Amino acid sequence: GYPYSHPHTLFFLESANIRPNRFRPEQ
């Protein structure tokens, strides 16, 4: 019954200011 029932695209924003708190590109 939910009309938008298909997953299309996931968006991940790596927006932590401090580098160690962000995922490296490979991770």
PDB file of all heavy atoms in Angstrom:
ATOM      1  N   GLY A   1       0.785  -1.224   0.000  1.00  0.00           N
ATOM      2  CA  GLY A   1       0.000   0.000   0.000  1.00  0.00           C
ATOM      3  C   GLY A   1       0.817   1.273   0.000  1.00  0.00           C
ATOM      4  O   GLY A   1       0.300   2.338  -0.330  1.00  0.00           O
ATOM      5  N   TYR A   2       2.111   1.187   0.382  1.00  0.00           N
ATOM      6  CA  TYR A   2       2.951   2.391   0.363  1.00  0.00           C
ATOM      7  C   TYR A   2       3.328   2.671  -1.086  1.00  0.00           C
ATOM      8  O   TYR A   2       3.903   1.817  -1.764  1.00  0.00           O
ATOM      9  CB  TYR A   2       4.209   2.177   1.209  1.00  0.00           C
ATOM     10  CG  TYR A   2       5.110   3.391   1.282  1.00  0.00           C
ATOM     11  CD1 TYR A   2       4.715   4.528   1.989  1.00  0.00           C
ATOM     12  CD2 TYR A   2       6.348   3.410   0.642  1.00  0.00           C
ATOM     13  CE1 TYR A   2       5.536   5.647   2.058  1.00  0.00           C
ATOM     14  CE2 TYR A   2       7.173   4.530   0.710  1.00  0.00           C
ATOM     15  CZ  TYR A   2       6.757   5.642   1.418  1.00  0.00           C
ATOM     16  OH  TYR A   2       7.573   6.748   1.476  1.00  0.00           O
ATOM     17  N   PRO A   3       2.971   3.862  -1.625  1.00  0.00           N
ATOM     18  CA  PRO A   3       3.150   4.077  -3.074  1.00  0.00           C
ATOM     19  C   PRO A   3       4.613   4.091  -3.536  1.00  0.00           C
ATOM     20  O   PRO A   3       4.914   3.657  -4.637  1.00  0.00           O
ATOM     21  CB  PRO A   3       2.472   5.427  -3.335  1.00  0.00           C
ATOM     22  CG  PRO A   3       2.409   6.097  -1.999  1.00  0.00           C
ATOM     23  CD  PRO A   3       2.317   5.011  -0.980  1.00  0.00           C
ATOM     24  N   TYR A   4       5.509   4.595  -2.678  1.00  0.00           N
ATOM     25  CA  TYR A   4       6.928   4.690  -3.072  1.00  0.00           C
ATOM     26  C   TYR A   4       7.671   3.483  -2.493  1.00  0.00           C
ATOM     27  O   TYR A   4       8.515   3.609  -1.619  1.00  0.00           O
ATOM     28  CB  TYR A   4       7.528   6.003  -2.568  1.00  0.00           C
ATOM     29  CG  TYR A   4       6.701   7.212  -2.948  1.00  0.00           C
ATOM     30  CD1 TYR A   4       5.822   7.778  -2.023  1.00  0.00           C
ATOM     31  CD2 TYR A   4       6.767   7.765  -4.220  1.00  0.00           C
ATOM     32  CE1 TYR A   4       5.038   8.881  -2.366  1.00  0.00           C
ATOM     33  CE2 TYR A   4       5.993   8.862  -4.572  1.00  0.00           C
ATOM     34  CZ  TYR A   4       5.126   9.413  -3.640  1.00  0.00           C
ATOM     35  OH  TYR A   4       4.359  10.498  -3.988  1.00  0.00           O
ATOM     36  N   SER A   5       7.349   2.312  -3.018  1.00  0.00           N
ATOM     37  CA  SER A   5       7.753   1.066  -2.345  1.00  0.00           C
ATOM     38  C   SER A   5       9.076   0.489  -2.845  1.00  0.00           C
ATOM     39  O   SER A   5       9.531  -0.526  -2.333  1.00  0.00           O
ATOM     40  CB  SER A   5       6.654   0.017  -2.515  1.00  0.00           C
ATOM     41  OG  SER A   5       6.458  -0.262  -3.890  1.00  0.00           O
ATOM     42  N   HIS A   6       9.698   1.141  -3.841  1.00  0.00           N
ATOM     43  CA  HIS A   6      10.932   0.584  -4.408  1.00  0.00           C
ATOM     44  C   HIS A   6      12.145   1.438  -4.034  1.00  0.00           C
ATOM     45  O   HIS A   6      12.157   2.648  -4.303  1.00  0.00           O
ATOM     46  CB  HIS A   6      10.827   0.488  -5.934  1.00  0.00           C
ATOM     47  CG  HIS A   6       9.753  -0.446  -6.374  1.00  0.00           C
ATOM     48  ND1 HIS A   6       9.932  -1.808  -6.452  1.00  0.00           N
ATOM     49  CD2 HIS A   6       8.460  -0.209  -6.737  1.00  0.00           C
ATOM     50  CE1 HIS A   6       8.808  -2.369  -6.851  1.00  0.00           C
ATOM     51  NE2 HIS A   6       7.899  -1.427  -7.034  1.00  0.00           N
ATOM     52  N   PRO A   7      13.171   0.838  -3.423  1.00  0.00           N
ATOM     53  CA  PRO A   7      14.396   1.601  -3.151  1.00  0.00           C
ATOM     54  C   PRO A   7      15.074   1.965  -4.467  1.00  0.00           C
ATOM     55  O   PRO A   7      15.232   1.112  -5.338  1.00  0.00           O
ATOM     56  CB  PRO A   7      15.249   0.621  -2.336  1.00  0.00           C
ATOM     57  CG  PRO A   7      14.758  -0.743  -2.731  1.00  0.00           C
ATOM     58  CD  PRO A   7      13.309  -0.594  -3.070  1.00  0.00           C
ATOM     59  N   HIS A   8      15.450   3.218  -4.639  1.00  0.00           N
ATOM     60  CA  HIS A   8      16.054   3.679  -5.897  1.00  0.00           C
ATOM     61  C   HIS A   8      17.535   4.008  -5.694  1.00  0.00           C
ATOM     62  O   HIS A   8      18.407   3.341  -6.244  1.00  0.00           O
ATOM     63  CB  HIS A   8      15.291   4.896  -6.428  1.00  0.00           C
ATOM     64  CG  HIS A   8      15.712   5.340  -7.797  1.00  0.00           C
ATOM     65  ND1 HIS A   8      16.878   6.062  -8.023  1.00  0.00           N
ATOM     66  CD2 HIS A   8      15.142   5.168  -9.013  1.00  0.00           C
ATOM     67  CE1 HIS A   8      16.983   6.309  -9.322  1.00  0.00           C
ATOM     68  NE2 HIS A   8      15.951   5.787  -9.950  1.00  0.00           N
ATOM     69  N   THR A   9      17.821   5.037  -4.889  1.00  0.00           N
ATOM     70  CA  THR A   9      19.210   5.464  -4.684  1.00  0.00           C
ATOM     71  C   THR A   9      19.434   5.855  -3.226  1.00  0.00           C
ATOM     72  O   THR A   9      18.628   6.572  -2.636  1.00  0.00           O
ATOM     73  CB  THR A   9      19.557   6.667  -5.590  1.00  0.00           C
ATOM     74  OG1 THR A   9      19.299   6.322  -6.948  1.00  0.00           O
ATOM     75  CG2 THR A   9      21.029   7.056  -5.447  1.00  0.00           C
ATOM     76  N   LEU A  10      20.554   5.370  -2.679  1.00  0.00           N
ATOM     77  CA  LEU A  10      21.001   5.748  -1.336  1.00  0.00           C
ATOM     78  C   LEU A  10      22.035   6.856  -1.464  1.00  0.00           C
ATOM     79  O   LEU A  10      22.924   6.781  -2.317  1.00  0.00           O
ATOM     80  CB  LEU A  10      21.675   4.556  -0.655  1.00  0.00           C
ATOM     81  CG  LEU A  10      20.784   3.472  -0.091  1.00  0.00           C
ATOM     82  CD1 LEU A  10      21.601   2.199   0.047  1.00  0.00           C
ATOM     83  CD2 LEU A  10      20.250   3.890   1.258  1.00  0.00           C
ATOM     84  N   PHE A  11      21.931   7.870  -0.601  1.00  0.00           N
ATOM     85  CA  PHE A  11      22.904   8.958  -0.588  1.00  0.00           C
ATOM     86  C   PHE A  11      23.593   8.990   0.764  1.00  0.00           C
ATOM     87  O   PHE A  11      22.923   9.073   1.800  1.00  0.00           O
ATOM     88  CB  PHE A  11      22.212  10.301  -0.856  1.00  0.00           C
ATOM     89  CG  PHE A  11      21.554  10.393  -2.206  1.00  0.00           C
ATOM     90  CD1 PHE A  11      20.200  10.141  -2.350  1.00  0.00           C
ATOM     91  CD2 PHE A  11      22.289  10.720  -3.338  1.00  0.00           C
ATOM     92  CE1 PHE A  11      19.575  10.220  -3.597  1.00  0.00           C
ATOM     93  CE2 PHE A  11      21.695  10.799  -4.586  1.00  0.00           C
ATOM     94  CZ  PHE A  11      20.336  10.553  -4.715  1.00  0.00           C
ATOM     95  N   PHE A  12      24.924   8.918   0.749  1.00  0.00           N
ATOM     96  CA  PHE A  12      25.714   8.984   1.981  1.00  0.00           C
ATOM     97  C   PHE A  12      26.526  10.263   1.985  1.00  0.00           C
ATOM     98  O   PHE A  12      27.350  10.483   1.086  1.00  0.00           O
ATOM     99  CB  PHE A  12      26.646   7.779   2.083  1.00  0.00           C
ATOM    100  CG  PHE A  12      25.918   6.492   2.347  1.00  0.00           C
ATOM    101  CD1 PHE A  12      25.610   5.632   1.303  1.00  0.00           C
ATOM    102  CD2 PHE A  12      25.534   6.150   3.631  1.00  0.00           C
ATOM    103  CE1 PHE A  12      24.918   4.454   1.540  1.00  0.00           C
ATOM    104  CE2 PHE A  12      24.861   4.967   3.881  1.00  0.00           C
ATOM    105  CZ  PHE A  12      24.547   4.120   2.840  1.00  0.00           C
ATOM    106  N   LEU A  13      26.288  11.122   2.995  1.00  0.00           N
ATOM    107  CA  LEU A  13      27.016  12.380   3.118  1.00  0.00           C
ATOM    108  C   LEU A  13      28.043  12.238   4.229  1.00  0.00           C
ATOM    109  O   LEU A  13      27.691  12.110   5.401  1.00  0.00           O
ATOM    110  CB  LEU A  13      26.047  13.523   3.432  1.00  0.00           C
ATOM    111  CG  LEU A  13      24.816  13.663   2.510  1.00  0.00           C
ATOM    112  CD1 LEU A  13      24.008  14.893   2.900  1.00  0.00           C
ATOM    113  CD2 LEU A  13      25.214  13.714   1.043  1.00  0.00           C
ATOM    114  N   GLU A  14      29.311  12.223   3.845  1.00  0.00           N
ATOM    115  CA  GLU A  14      30.397  12.131   4.825  1.00  0.00           C
ATOM    116  C   GLU A  14      30.787  13.543   5.216  1.00  0.00           C
ATOM    117  O   GLU A  14      31.720  14.123   4.674  1.00  0.00           O
ATOM    118  CB  GLU A  14      31.585  11.376   4.212  1.00  0.00           C
ATOM    119  CG  GLU A  14      31.402   9.879   4.189  1.00  0.00           C
ATOM    120  CD  GLU A  14      31.230   9.302   5.584  1.00  0.00           C
ATOM    121  OE1 GLU A  14      32.093   9.554   6.447  1.00  0.00           O
ATOM    122  OE2 GLU A  14      30.226   8.609   5.820  1.00  0.00           O
ATOM    123  N   SER A  15      30.041  14.104   6.180  1.00  0.00           N
ATOM    124  CA  SER A  15      30.165  15.541   6.427  1.00  0.00           C
ATOM    125  C   SER A  15      30.821  15.888   7.766  1.00  0.00           C
ATOM    126  O   SER A  15      30.744  17.039   8.193  1.00  0.00           O
ATOM    127  CB  SER A  15      28.781  16.201   6.333  1.00  0.00           C
ATOM    128  OG  SER A  15      27.857  15.529   7.158  1.00  0.00           O
ATOM    129  N   ALA A  16      31.466  14.920   8.417  1.00  0.00           N
ATOM    130  CA  ALA A  16      32.171  15.238   9.669  1.00  0.00           C
ATOM    131  C   ALA A  16      33.325  16.197   9.381  1.00  0.00           C
ATOM    132  O   ALA A  16      34.053  16.043   8.392  1.00  0.00           O
ATOM    133  CB  ALA A  16      32.695  13.964  10.319  1.00  0.00           C
ATOM    134  N   ASN A  17      33.498  17.196  10.239  1.00  0.00           N
ATOM    135  CA  ASN A  17      34.552  18.200  10.020  1.00  0.00           C
ATOM    136  C   ASN A  17      35.947  17.609  10.163  1.00  0.00           C
ATOM    137  O   ASN A  17      36.872  17.965   9.424  1.00  0.00           O
ATOM    138  CB  ASN A  17      34.398  19.346  11.034  1.00  0.00           C
ATOM    139  CG  ASN A  17      33.187  20.189  10.732  1.00  0.00           C
ATOM    140  OD1 ASN A  17      32.871  20.406   9.578  1.00  0.00           O
ATOM    141  ND2 ASN A  17      32.495  20.652  11.763  1.00  0.00           N
ATOM    142  N   ILE A  18      36.116  16.716  11.131  1.00  0.00           N
ATOM    143  CA  ILE A  18      37.444  16.166  11.431  1.00  0.00           C
ATOM    144  C   ILE A  18      37.674  14.913  10.601  1.00  0.00           C
ATOM    145  O   ILE A  18      36.840  13.999  10.599  1.00  0.00           O
ATOM    146  CB  ILE A  18      37.563  15.834  12.938  1.00  0.00           C
ATOM    147  CG1 ILE A  18      37.197  17.071  13.780  1.00  0.00           C
ATOM    148  CG2 ILE A  18      38.952  15.340  13.298  1.00  0.00           C
ATOM    149  CD1 ILE A  18      36.928  16.765  15.232  1.00  0.00           C
ATOM    150  N   ARG A  19      38.809  14.873   9.901  1.00  0.00           N
ATOM    151  CA  ARG A  19      39.091  13.780   8.973  1.00  0.00           C
ATOM    152  C   ARG A  19      38.968  12.385   9.601  1.00  0.00           C
ATOM    153  O   ARG A  19      38.367  11.491   8.991  1.00  0.00           O
ATOM    154  CB  ARG A  19      40.480  13.961   8.337  1.00  0.00           C
ATOM    155  CG  ARG A  19      40.802  12.928   7.269  1.00  0.00           C
ATOM    156  CD  ARG A  19      42.194  13.161   6.693  1.00  0.00           C
ATOM    157  NE  ARG A  19      42.246  14.367   5.868  1.00  0.00           N
ATOM    158  CZ  ARG A  19      41.944  14.396   4.577  1.00  0.00           C
ATOM    159  NH1 ARG A  19      41.563  13.291   3.963  1.00  0.00           N
ATOM    160  NH2 ARG A  19      42.034  15.513   3.897  1.00  0.00           N
ATOM    161  N   PRO A  20      39.501  12.142  10.825  1.00  0.00           N
ATOM    162  CA  PRO A  20      39.383  10.789  11.398  1.00  0.00           C
ATOM    163  C   PRO A  20      37.936  10.335  11.613  1.00  0.00           C
ATOM    164  O   PRO A  20      37.673   9.133  11.721  1.00  0.00           O
ATOM    165  CB  PRO A  20      40.125  10.900  12.741  1.00  0.00           C
ATOM    166  CG  PRO A  20      41.036  12.058  12.589  1.00  0.00           C
ATOM    167  CD  PRO A  20      40.326  13.018  11.680  1.00  0.00           C
ATOM    168  N   ASN A  21      37.013  11.284  11.678  1.00  0.00           N
ATOM    169  CA  ASN A  21      35.600  10.941  11.879  1.00  0.00           C
ATOM    170  C   ASN A  21      34.861  10.658  10.572  1.00  0.00           C
ATOM    171  O   ASN A  21      33.682  10.312  10.594  1.00  0.00           O
ATOM    172  CB  ASN A  21      34.872  12.061  12.636  1.00  0.00           C
ATOM    173  CG  ASN A  21      35.376  12.203  14.054  1.00  0.00           C
ATOM    174  OD1 ASN A  21      36.072  11.330  14.558  1.00  0.00           O
ATOM    175  ND2 ASN A  21      35.032  13.314  14.702  1.00  0.00           N
ATOM    176  N   ARG A  22      35.562  10.845   9.447  1.00  0.00           N
ATOM    177  CA  ARG A  22      34.950  10.544   8.151  1.00  0.00           C
ATOM    178  C   ARG A  22      35.462   9.212   7.636  1.00  0.00           C
ATOM    179  O   ARG A  22      36.606   8.831   7.873  1.00  0.00           O
ATOM    180  CB  ARG A  22      35.289  11.627   7.115  1.00  0.00           C
ATOM    181  CG  ARG A  22      34.693  12.980   7.398  1.00  0.00           C
ATOM    182  CD  ARG A  22      34.744  13.876   6.160  1.00  0.00           C
ATOM    183  NE  ARG A  22      36.068  14.146   5.649  1.00  0.00           N
ATOM    184  CZ  ARG A  22      36.868  15.119   6.071  1.00  0.00           C
ATOM    185  NH1 ARG A  22      36.488  15.899   7.066  1.00  0.00           N
ATOM    186  NH2 ARG A  22      38.053  15.306   5.532  1.00  0.00           N
ATOM    187  N   PHE A  23      34.612   8.504   6.900  1.00  0.00           N
ATOM    188  CA  PHE A  23      35.059   7.295   6.223  1.00  0.00           C
ATOM    189  C   PHE A  23      36.034   7.673   5.115  1.00  0.00           C
ATOM    190  O   PHE A  23      35.785   8.622   4.367  1.00  0.00           O
ATOM    191  CB  PHE A  23      33.867   6.565   5.592  1.00  0.00           C
ATOM    192  CG  PHE A  23      33.118   5.671   6.543  1.00  0.00           C
ATOM    193  CD1 PHE A  23      32.235   6.196   7.474  1.00  0.00           C
ATOM    194  CD2 PHE A  23      33.293   4.300   6.503  1.00  0.00           C
ATOM    195  CE1 PHE A  23      31.551   5.382   8.345  1.00  0.00           C
ATOM    196  CE2 PHE A  23      32.613   3.468   7.364  1.00  0.00           C
ATOM    197  CZ  PHE A  23      31.734   4.004   8.298  1.00  0.00           C
ATOM    198  N   ARG A  24      37.125   6.938   4.996  1.00  0.00           N
ATOM    199  CA  ARG A  24      37.995   7.100   3.838  1.00  0.00           C
ATOM    200  C   ARG A  24      37.243   6.592   2.606  1.00  0.00           C
ATOM    201  O   ARG A  24      36.337   5.756   2.732  1.00  0.00           O
ATOM    202  CB  ARG A  24      39.304   6.320   4.032  1.00  0.00           C
ATOM    203  CG  ARG A  24      40.150   6.844   5.179  1.00  0.00           C
ATOM    204  CD  ARG A  24      41.550   6.228   5.178  1.00  0.00           C
ATOM    205  NE  ARG A  24      41.526   4.769   5.198  1.00  0.00           N
ATOM    206  CZ  ARG A  24      41.357   4.033   6.291  1.00  0.00           C
ATOM    207  NH1 ARG A  24      41.163   4.615   7.468  1.00  0.00           N
ATOM    208  NH2 ARG A  24      41.364   2.714   6.225  1.00  0.00           N
ATOM    209  N   PRO A  25      37.604   7.062   1.394  1.00  0.00           N
ATOM    210  CA  PRO A  25      36.828   6.671   0.206  1.00  0.00           C
ATOM    211  C   PRO A  25      36.622   5.161   0.062  1.00  0.00           C
ATOM    212  O   PRO A  25      35.513   4.717  -0.244  1.00  0.00           O
ATOM    213  CB  PRO A  25      37.663   7.240  -0.953  1.00  0.00           C
ATOM    214  CG  PRO A  25      38.315   8.456  -0.370  1.00  0.00           C
ATOM    215  CD  PRO A  25      38.622   8.079   1.057  1.00  0.00           C
ATOM    216  N   GLU A  26      37.656   4.364   0.305  1.00  0.00           N
ATOM    217  CA  GLU A  26      37.515   2.910   0.153  1.00  0.00           C
ATOM    218  C   GLU A  26      36.515   2.344   1.161  1.00  0.00           C
ATOM    219  O   GLU A  26      35.689   1.491   0.835  1.00  0.00           O
ATOM    220  CB  GLU A  26      38.884   2.234   0.305  1.00  0.00           C
ATOM    221  CG  GLU A  26      38.857   0.708   0.243  1.00  0.00           C
ATOM    222  CD  GLU A  26      38.396   0.140  -1.097  1.00  0.00           C
ATOM    223  OE1 GLU A  26      38.350   0.889  -2.109  1.00  0.00           O
ATOM    224  OE2 GLU A  26      38.083  -1.061  -1.141  1.00  0.00           O
ATOM    225  N   GLN A  27      36.577   2.827   2.412  1.00  0.00           N
ATOM    226  CA  GLN A  27      35.632   2.356   3.427  1.00  0.00           C
ATOM    227  C   GLN A  27      34.210   2.854   3.137  1.00  0.00           C
ATOM    228  O   GLN A  27      33.235   2.155   3.377  1.00  0.00           O
ATOM    229  CB  GLN A  27      36.074   2.822   4.823  1.00  0.00           C
ATOM    230  CG  GLN A  27      37.025   1.870   5.538  1.00  0.00           C
ATOM    231  CD  GLN A  27      38.329   1.665   4.781  1.00  0.00           C
ATOM    232  OE1 GLN A  27      38.936   2.629   4.335  1.00  0.00           O
ATOM    233  NE2 GLN A  27      38.766   0.427   4.632  1.00  0.00           N
TER     234      GLN A  27
END
